[in-house]
Amino acid sequence: MDYITGMNLLAVALLIGLGALGTAVGFALLGGKFLDGVARQPELGPQLQVKMFIVAGLLDAVPMIGVGIAMLLLFANPFIK
């Protein structure tokens, strides 16, 4: 039982940690590409900004799903009876 609990906590830590790391890398790439696009064609800045915010919202959903699964594993674990 202790082994399952320990692996459960490790899984939760990995879900939240790697989700946050992946989102941070995604936001960095998104911001860099946005700045490159605006530097090349400044007149498309508002259009690119709208698209950037849409993608940022979608990118933000990924760690929220991971946090939801982590909370499921912490508080209502289906593996522990």
Protein backbone atom coordinates (compact mmCIF):
# COMPACT_ATOMS: atom_id res chain seq x y z
CA MET A 1 0.00 0.00 0.00
CA ASP A 2 2.87 2.38 0.77
CA TYR A 3 4.40 1.63 -2.63
CA ILE A 4 1.19 2.61 -4.43
CA THR A 5 0.91 5.80 -2.40
CA GLY A 6 4.53 6.72 -3.12
CA MET A 7 4.13 6.11 -6.84
CA ASN A 8 0.91 8.10 -6.74
CA LEU A 9 2.71 11.12 -5.27
CA LEU A 10 5.49 10.77 -7.82
CA ALA A 11 2.94 10.70 -10.65
CA VAL A 12 1.22 13.82 -9.30
CA ALA A 13 4.55 15.66 -9.03
CA LEU A 14 5.49 14.69 -12.59
CA LEU A 15 2.09 15.70 -13.96
CA ILE A 16 2.20 19.14 -12.44
CA GLY A 17 5.94 19.76 -12.90
CA LEU A 18 6.26 18.63 -16.50
CA GLY A 19 3.00 20.34 -17.42
CA ALA A 20 4.33 23.62 -16.07
CA LEU A 21 7.68 23.14 -17.79
CA GLY A 22 6.06 22.36 -21.14
CA THR A 23 3.77 25.36 -20.87
CA ALA A 24 6.69 27.65 -20.03
CA VAL A 25 8.62 26.46 -23.08
CA GLY A 26 5.50 26.85 -25.23
CA PHE A 27 4.90 30.40 -24.05
CA ALA A 28 8.55 31.29 -24.68
CA LEU A 29 8.40 29.97 -28.24
CA LEU A 30 5.04 31.64 -28.84
CA GLY A 31 6.26 35.01 -27.60
CA GLY A 32 9.46 34.80 -29.62
CA LYS A 33 7.64 33.94 -32.83
CA PHE A 34 5.14 36.73 -32.17
CA LEU A 35 7.91 39.28 -31.77
CA ASP A 36 9.62 38.00 -34.92
CA GLY A 37 6.40 38.33 -36.88
CA VAL A 38 5.70 41.84 -35.64
CA ALA A 39 9.29 42.92 -36.30
CA ARG A 40 9.04 41.68 -39.89
CA GLN A 41 5.58 43.12 -40.63
CA PRO A 42 4.47 45.70 -38.06
CA GLU A 43 1.15 46.33 -39.82
CA LEU A 44 0.03 42.77 -38.98
CA GLY A 45 0.64 43.31 -35.26
CA PRO A 46 -3.01 43.42 -34.13
CA GLN A 47 -3.95 40.32 -36.13
CA LEU A 48 -0.96 38.41 -34.82
CA GLN A 49 -1.73 39.51 -31.28
CA VAL A 50 -5.27 38.15 -31.44
CA LYS A 51 -4.01 34.83 -32.77
CA MET A 52 -1.28 34.75 -30.13
CA PHE A 53 -3.83 35.19 -27.33
CA ILE A 54 -6.02 32.42 -28.74
CA VAL A 55 -3.07 30.03 -28.86
CA ALA A 56 -1.98 31.15 -25.38
CA GLY A 57 -5.42 30.28 -24.05
CA LEU A 58 -5.25 26.84 -25.62
CA LEU A 59 -1.72 26.39 -24.35
CA ASP A 60 -2.89 27.27 -20.84
CA ALA A 61 -5.48 24.50 -20.92
CA VAL A 62 -2.84 21.76 -20.99
CA PRO A 63 -1.51 22.21 -17.44
CA MET A 64 -5.05 22.71 -16.12
CA ILE A 65 -5.98 19.27 -17.44
CA GLY A 66 -2.83 17.90 -15.76
CA VAL A 67 -3.79 19.55 -12.47
CA GLY A 68 -7.28 18.06 -12.75
CA ILE A 69 -5.88 14.57 -13.27
CA ALA A 70 -3.43 15.14 -10.42
CA MET A 71 -6.26 16.11 -8.08
CA LEU A 72 -8.15 12.99 -9.14
CA LEU A 73 -5.12 10.87 -8.28
CA LEU A 74 -4.62 12.61 -4.94
CA PHE A 75 -8.15 12.70 -3.59
CA ALA A 76 -10.15 10.03 -5.43
CA ASN A 77 -7.51 7.55 -6.52
CA PRO A 78 -9.09 4.68 -8.45
CA PHE A 79 -6.04 2.46 -7.78
CA ILE A 80 -6.47 2.47 -3.99
CA LYS A 81 -9.50 0.61 -2.75
